[in-house]
């Protein structure tokens, strides 16, 4: 099988690329830039281009069986600051990708949506796939819009697709100096001896799970006989930011300071996904527990310090 992974050098994409190569797939990585945390594997082909580059994308799609669409620009905060750029970069580029996939005869497209933002404020938890979708950020709204267009392509043009909605993945190669990813950022602050900043009072609950488990879920989604399905992917258990801080202290042995700031409007109070559908249809479930995953991520962050 030959796969193209858009955003294949990113945090999640790089783990998916590794998992595909281990299983014997031929892999084309399509990304706009390299990753200092992840050198391009020698077994993979790398196409360095923006997703909106139709010529480069059309050429990269030749002979591809499955496309994993992970490329996405910006996160929640950035999406609120420049809505037009966010829509142009993500929505329009995705629509162009779908069109080119149809022309290239791609057998299946797996779209990486967002279980953390498309549902909005939950009526109840855990959140199943049929829960109302009421995103409260442009990021979630754009993800949901791409989902709808993908469904349209399936009904009108027969495109075979599967949508995965992950909760909050974490793990190695997530930038500890970035603004996204509480686990990596908190561990990074501990390493640097800096305070952890929490927006709100720390009672916000999230469903964290290890990125390697997400990679396996994406491959299962590509191989399932189910068409046009949507799958929640998560750890199946929620913990608060305050609880996460205590776990970080336990794993690192560092009594890291916490600074609380005003809550942000786009942060939903609780997010725990119901993953039973993925367990039943994809025969997938998370295998790396939170404490083990934190230890793996902490070891990786320490390795960066040793190499500096």
Protein backbone atom coordinates (compact mmCIF):
# COMPACT_ATOMS: atom_id res chain seq x y z
CA UNK A 1 0.00 0.00 0.00
CA UNK A 2 1.18 3.50 -0.84
CA UNK A 3 0.18 6.40 1.45
CA UNK A 4 0.50 10.15 1.26
CA UNK A 5 0.55 11.94 4.61
CA UNK A 6 -0.14 15.67 4.51
CA UNK A 7 1.57 17.28 7.49
CA UNK A 8 3.71 14.16 7.74
CA UNK A 9 6.59 15.92 9.49
CA UNK A 10 4.42 17.39 12.24
CA UNK A 11 4.01 16.07 15.76
CA UNK A 12 1.25 13.60 14.94
CA UNK A 13 2.14 13.05 11.30
CA UNK A 14 5.67 11.96 12.13
CA UNK A 15 4.40 9.23 14.44
CA UNK A 16 1.95 8.08 11.78
CA UNK A 17 4.75 7.99 9.19
CA UNK A 18 6.87 5.83 11.50
CA UNK A 19 3.99 3.45 12.17
CA UNK A 20 3.22 3.11 8.44
CA UNK A 21 6.84 2.36 7.60
CA UNK A 22 7.02 -0.28 10.33
CA UNK A 23 3.99 -1.99 8.77
CA UNK A 24 5.58 -1.97 5.34
CA UNK A 25 3.70 0.86 3.64
CA UNK A 26 5.32 3.03 0.98
CA UNK A 27 5.07 6.58 2.29
CA UNK A 28 5.07 10.02 0.66
CA UNK A 29 5.39 12.88 3.14
CA UNK A 30 3.81 16.15 2.01
CA UNK A 31 4.73 19.07 4.26
CA UNK A 32 5.70 22.71 3.96
CA UNK A 33 8.79 22.50 6.15
CA UNK A 34 11.12 20.15 7.96
CA UNK A 35 10.96 19.25 11.64
CA UNK A 36 13.99 19.64 13.93
CA UNK A 37 12.60 16.85 16.11
CA UNK A 38 12.11 14.39 13.22
CA UNK A 39 14.58 13.92 10.35
CA UNK A 40 12.92 12.61 7.20
CA UNK A 41 13.18 8.79 7.20
CA UNK A 42 15.32 7.45 4.37
CA UNK A 43 12.55 4.98 3.44
CA UNK A 44 10.05 7.78 2.76
CA UNK A 45 9.77 10.30 -0.06
CA UNK A 46 9.49 13.94 1.03
CA UNK A 47 7.68 16.59 -1.00
CA UNK A 48 8.28 20.04 0.50
CA UNK A 49 5.41 22.30 -0.52
CA UNK A 50 2.37 24.15 0.76
CA UNK A 51 -0.88 22.20 0.66
CA UNK A 52 -2.27 24.83 -1.70
CA UNK A 53 0.39 24.00 -4.32
CA UNK A 54 -1.82 22.04 -6.71
CA UNK A 55 1.00 21.10 -9.07
CA UNK A 56 3.20 19.60 -6.38
CA UNK A 57 0.22 17.88 -4.75
CA UNK A 58 -1.06 16.41 -8.01
CA UNK A 59 2.38 14.96 -8.75
CA UNK A 60 2.73 13.57 -5.21
CA UNK A 61 -0.65 11.80 -5.47
CA UNK A 62 0.34 9.61 -8.41
CA UNK A 63 0.03 5.96 -7.48
CA UNK A 64 -1.24 6.72 -3.95
CA UNK A 65 -3.83 4.37 -2.44
CA UNK A 66 -4.61 6.19 0.82
CA UNK A 67 -4.29 9.84 1.85
CA UNK A 68 -4.01 10.77 5.51
CA UNK A 69 -4.95 14.45 5.72
CA UNK A 70 -3.32 15.93 8.82
CA UNK A 71 -1.92 19.22 7.50
CA UNK A 72 -3.50 22.15 9.34
CA UNK A 73 -2.31 25.65 10.00
CA UNK A 74 -2.80 27.26 13.40
CA UNK A 75 -4.59 26.30 16.60
CA UNK A 76 -7.52 27.65 18.61
CA UNK A 77 -6.00 31.00 19.55
CA UNK A 78 -4.47 31.68 16.14
CA UNK A 79 -7.75 30.87 14.40
CA UNK A 80 -9.51 33.66 16.32
CA UNK A 81 -6.86 36.23 15.42
CA UNK A 82 -6.96 35.92 11.62
CA UNK A 83 -10.12 34.14 10.57
CA UNK A 84 -9.78 34.84 6.84
CA UNK A 85 -6.26 33.42 6.65
CA UNK A 86 -7.31 30.41 8.72
CA UNK A 87 -10.19 29.60 6.37
CA UNK A 88 -8.18 30.16 3.19
CA UNK A 89 -5.25 28.06 4.36
CA UNK A 90 -7.22 25.14 5.77
CA UNK A 91 -10.68 24.96 4.21
CA UNK A 92 -9.83 25.93 0.63
CA UNK A 93 -6.67 23.83 0.56
CA UNK A 94 -8.63 20.83 1.84
CA UNK A 95 -11.26 21.22 -0.87
CA UNK A 96 -8.49 21.35 -3.47
CA UNK A 97 -6.98 18.19 -1.99
CA UNK A 98 -10.30 16.34 -2.24
CA UNK A 99 -10.67 17.30 -5.90
CA UNK A 100 -7.15 16.14 -6.74
CA UNK A 101 -7.65 12.88 -4.85
CA UNK A 102 -10.68 12.11 -7.00
CA UNK A 103 -8.73 12.82 -10.19
CA UNK A 104 -5.82 10.65 -9.01
CA UNK A 105 -8.06 7.70 -8.15
CA UNK A 106 -7.15 7.63 -4.46
CA UNK A 107 -8.91 4.69 -2.81
CA UNK A 108 -9.50 6.25 0.62
CA UNK A 109 -8.94 9.53 2.46
CA UNK A 110 -8.62 9.61 6.24
CA UNK A 111 -9.32 13.10 7.59
CA UNK A 112 -7.87 14.13 10.90
CA UNK A 113 -10.64 16.26 12.46
CA UNK A 114 -10.86 17.44 16.09
CA UNK A 115 -12.78 15.73 18.86
CA UNK A 116 -11.56 18.49 21.12
CA UNK A 117 -13.31 21.33 19.28
CA UNK A 118 -16.12 20.21 16.95
CA UNK A 119 -18.55 19.30 19.74
CA UNK A 120 -18.29 22.54 21.72
CA UNK A 121 -19.68 22.53 25.25
CA UNK A 122 -20.82 18.99 25.95
CA UNK A 123 -24.39 18.21 26.99
CA UNK A 124 -22.98 15.12 28.68
CA UNK A 125 -19.80 13.05 28.86
CA UNK A 126 -18.46 10.85 27.51
CA UNK A 127 -19.25 12.39 24.12
CA UNK A 128 -20.34 9.99 21.38
CA UNK A 129 -19.98 10.67 17.66
CA UNK A 130 -23.67 11.60 17.32
CA UNK A 131 -23.47 14.31 19.99
CA UNK A 132 -24.54 17.72 18.61
CA UNK A 133 -21.66 19.58 16.96
CA UNK A 134 -21.57 23.19 18.16
CA UNK A 135 -17.96 24.42 17.91
CA UNK A 136 -17.17 27.62 19.81
CA UNK A 137 -13.94 28.47 17.98
CA UNK A 138 -13.12 29.12 14.31
CA UNK A 139 -10.70 26.19 14.52
CA UNK A 140 -13.48 23.76 15.39
CA UNK A 141 -15.90 25.36 12.95
CA UNK A 142 -13.43 24.97 10.07
CA UNK A 143 -12.70 21.35 11.00
CA UNK A 144 -16.42 20.62 11.04
CA UNK A 145 -16.92 22.39 7.70
CA UNK A 146 -14.22 20.25 6.11
CA UNK A 147 -15.98 17.18 7.53
CA UNK A 148 -19.22 18.27 5.87
CA UNK A 149 -17.54 18.88 2.52
CA UNK A 150 -15.92 15.46 2.72
CA UNK A 151 -19.33 13.91 3.35
CA UNK A 152 -20.65 15.85 0.34
CA UNK A 153 -17.86 14.50 -1.86
CA UNK A 154 -18.76 11.01 -0.71
CA UNK A 155 -22.45 11.35 -1.55
CA UNK A 156 -21.98 13.22 -4.84
CA UNK A 157 -18.77 11.75 -6.23
CA UNK A 158 -18.35 8.49 -4.35
CA UNK A 159 -15.18 9.45 -2.48
CA UNK A 160 -14.37 6.79 0.12
CA UNK A 161 -13.40 8.49 3.36
CA UNK A 162 -13.17 8.02 7.09
CA UNK A 163 -13.05 10.81 9.70
CA UNK A 164 -11.19 10.50 12.99
CA UNK A 165 -11.87 12.92 15.84
CA UNK A 166 -9.02 12.73 18.37
CA UNK A 167 -9.29 14.23 21.83
CA UNK A 168 -5.91 15.49 23.17
CA UNK A 169 -2.89 13.52 21.97
CA UNK A 170 0.53 14.04 23.55
CA UNK A 171 3.98 12.51 23.34
CA UNK A 172 7.44 12.84 21.88
CA UNK A 173 8.07 15.50 19.22
CA UNK A 174 5.38 17.84 20.53
CA UNK A 175 7.21 21.12 21.00
CA UNK A 176 7.72 21.68 24.76
CA UNK A 177 8.28 25.37 24.05
CA UNK A 178 5.08 25.78 22.05
CA UNK A 179 1.64 27.08 22.98
CA UNK A 180 -0.32 23.90 22.31
CA UNK A 181 -0.28 20.59 24.18
CA UNK A 182 -0.56 20.83 27.95
CA UNK A 183 1.46 17.67 28.65
CA UNK A 184 4.54 18.67 26.65
CA UNK A 185 4.35 22.33 27.66
CA UNK A 186 3.99 21.48 31.36
CA UNK A 187 6.92 19.06 31.19
CA UNK A 188 8.94 21.66 29.30
CA UNK A 189 8.28 24.24 32.00
CA UNK A 190 9.41 21.75 34.64
CA UNK A 191 12.64 21.14 32.71
CA UNK A 192 13.37 24.86 32.44
CA UNK A 193 12.40 25.67 36.02
CA UNK A 194 9.63 28.00 34.85
CA UNK A 195 6.06 28.26 36.22
CA UNK A 196 3.20 26.49 34.48
CA UNK A 197 0.50 28.88 33.27
CA UNK A 198 -3.07 27.62 33.56
CA UNK A 199 -5.99 29.50 32.01
CA UNK A 200 -8.81 29.40 34.53
CA UNK A 201 -8.84 27.62 37.89
CA UNK A 202 -7.38 24.32 36.69
CA UNK A 203 -10.65 22.37 36.82
CA UNK A 204 -10.90 22.10 33.03
CA UNK A 205 -11.03 18.38 32.20
CA UNK A 206 -9.42 16.81 29.14
CA UNK A 207 -9.04 13.32 27.70
CA UNK A 208 -5.29 12.89 27.12
CA UNK A 209 -3.88 9.92 25.21
CA UNK A 210 -0.55 8.85 23.75
CA UNK A 211 0.25 9.83 20.15
CA UNK A 212 1.49 6.35 19.24
CA UNK A 213 -1.99 5.01 19.98
CA UNK A 214 -3.44 7.67 17.68
CA UNK A 215 -1.15 6.55 14.85
CA UNK A 216 -2.46 3.01 15.19
CA UNK A 217 -6.04 4.28 15.14
CA UNK A 218 -5.38 6.17 11.89
CA UNK A 219 -4.02 3.03 10.23
CA UNK A 220 -7.02 1.04 11.44
CA UNK A 221 -9.30 3.71 9.96
CA UNK A 222 -7.53 3.35 6.62
CA UNK A 223 -7.97 -0.42 6.61
CA UNK A 224 -11.54 -0.79 7.87
CA UNK A 225 -14.23 -1.96 5.49
CA UNK A 226 -16.56 0.73 6.88
CA UNK A 227 -17.09 3.69 4.54
CA UNK A 228 -17.98 7.26 5.44
CA UNK A 229 -17.72 6.63 9.17
CA UNK A 230 -16.65 8.98 11.97
CA UNK A 231 -14.62 7.71 14.92
CA UNK A 232 -13.79 9.34 18.23
CA UNK A 233 -10.23 8.53 19.29
CA UNK A 234 -9.12 9.20 22.85
CA UNK A 235 -8.00 7.79 26.14
CA UNK A 236 -11.48 7.20 27.49
CA UNK A 237 -10.76 8.99 30.77
CA UNK A 238 -10.70 12.65 31.73
CA UNK A 239 -8.42 14.42 34.20
CA UNK A 240 -8.27 18.07 35.23
CA UNK A 241 -5.35 20.39 34.59
CA UNK A 242 -4.70 20.47 38.32
CA UNK A 243 -4.49 16.67 38.37
CA UNK A 244 -2.15 16.77 35.37
CA UNK A 245 0.15 19.16 37.23
CA UNK A 246 0.35 16.70 40.13
CA UNK A 247 1.22 13.90 37.72
CA UNK A 248 3.93 16.07 36.14
CA UNK A 249 5.37 16.72 39.60
CA UNK A 250 5.34 13.00 40.30
CA UNK A 251 7.02 11.97 37.03
CA UNK A 252 9.67 14.72 37.08
CA UNK A 253 10.28 14.97 40.81
CA UNK A 254 10.09 18.75 40.40
CA UNK A 255 7.72 20.86 42.51
CA UNK A 256 6.82 23.10 39.58
CA UNK A 257 5.05 26.40 40.32
CA UNK A 258 1.60 27.13 38.87
CA UNK A 259 0.32 30.56 37.81
CA UNK A 260 -3.42 30.91 37.17
CA UNK A 261 -4.74 33.41 34.63
CA UNK A 262 -8.21 34.36 33.40
CA UNK A 263 -10.10 31.59 31.59
CA UNK A 264 -10.30 31.70 27.79
CA UNK A 265 -13.65 31.80 25.99
CA UNK A 266 -12.82 28.98 23.56
CA UNK A 267 -11.85 26.42 26.22
CA UNK A 268 -14.76 24.06 26.88
CA UNK A 269 -14.99 23.02 30.55
CA UNK A 270 -14.96 19.24 30.02
CA UNK A 271 -13.97 16.95 27.18
CA UNK A 272 -14.05 13.16 27.41
CA UNK A 273 -14.79 11.18 24.26
CA UNK A 274 -16.78 7.96 24.04
CA UNK A 275 -14.46 5.62 22.11
CA UNK A 276 -16.63 2.50 22.06
CA UNK A 277 -17.33 2.77 18.33
CA UNK A 278 -13.61 2.68 17.53
CA UNK A 279 -13.17 -0.25 19.89
CA UNK A 280 -15.99 -2.19 18.22
CA UNK A 281 -15.48 -1.39 14.53
CA UNK A 282 -11.75 -0.66 14.31
CA UNK A 283 -10.75 -3.19 16.97
CA UNK A 284 -8.67 -0.37 18.44
CA UNK A 285 -8.13 0.83 21.97
CA UNK A 286 -5.42 2.88 23.70
CA UNK A 287 -2.66 0.73 25.16
CA UNK A 288 -0.28 3.31 26.70
CA UNK A 289 -1.50 4.60 30.06
CA UNK A 290 -1.13 8.25 31.03
CA UNK A 291 1.64 7.72 33.56
CA UNK A 292 3.68 5.62 31.13
CA UNK A 293 3.10 8.14 28.37
CA UNK A 294 4.20 11.01 30.61
CA UNK A 295 7.38 9.11 31.47
CA UNK A 296 8.14 8.52 27.78
CA UNK A 297 7.56 12.19 26.96
CA UNK A 298 9.64 13.34 29.92
CA UNK A 299 12.54 11.10 28.85
CA UNK A 300 12.38 12.59 25.35
CA UNK A 301 12.38 16.17 26.68
CA UNK A 302 15.38 15.34 28.87
CA UNK A 303 17.16 13.99 25.81
CA UNK A 304 16.73 17.37 24.09
CA UNK A 305 18.46 19.01 27.05
CA UNK A 306 21.34 16.52 26.88
CA UNK A 307 21.80 17.19 23.16
CA UNK A 308 21.67 20.99 23.52
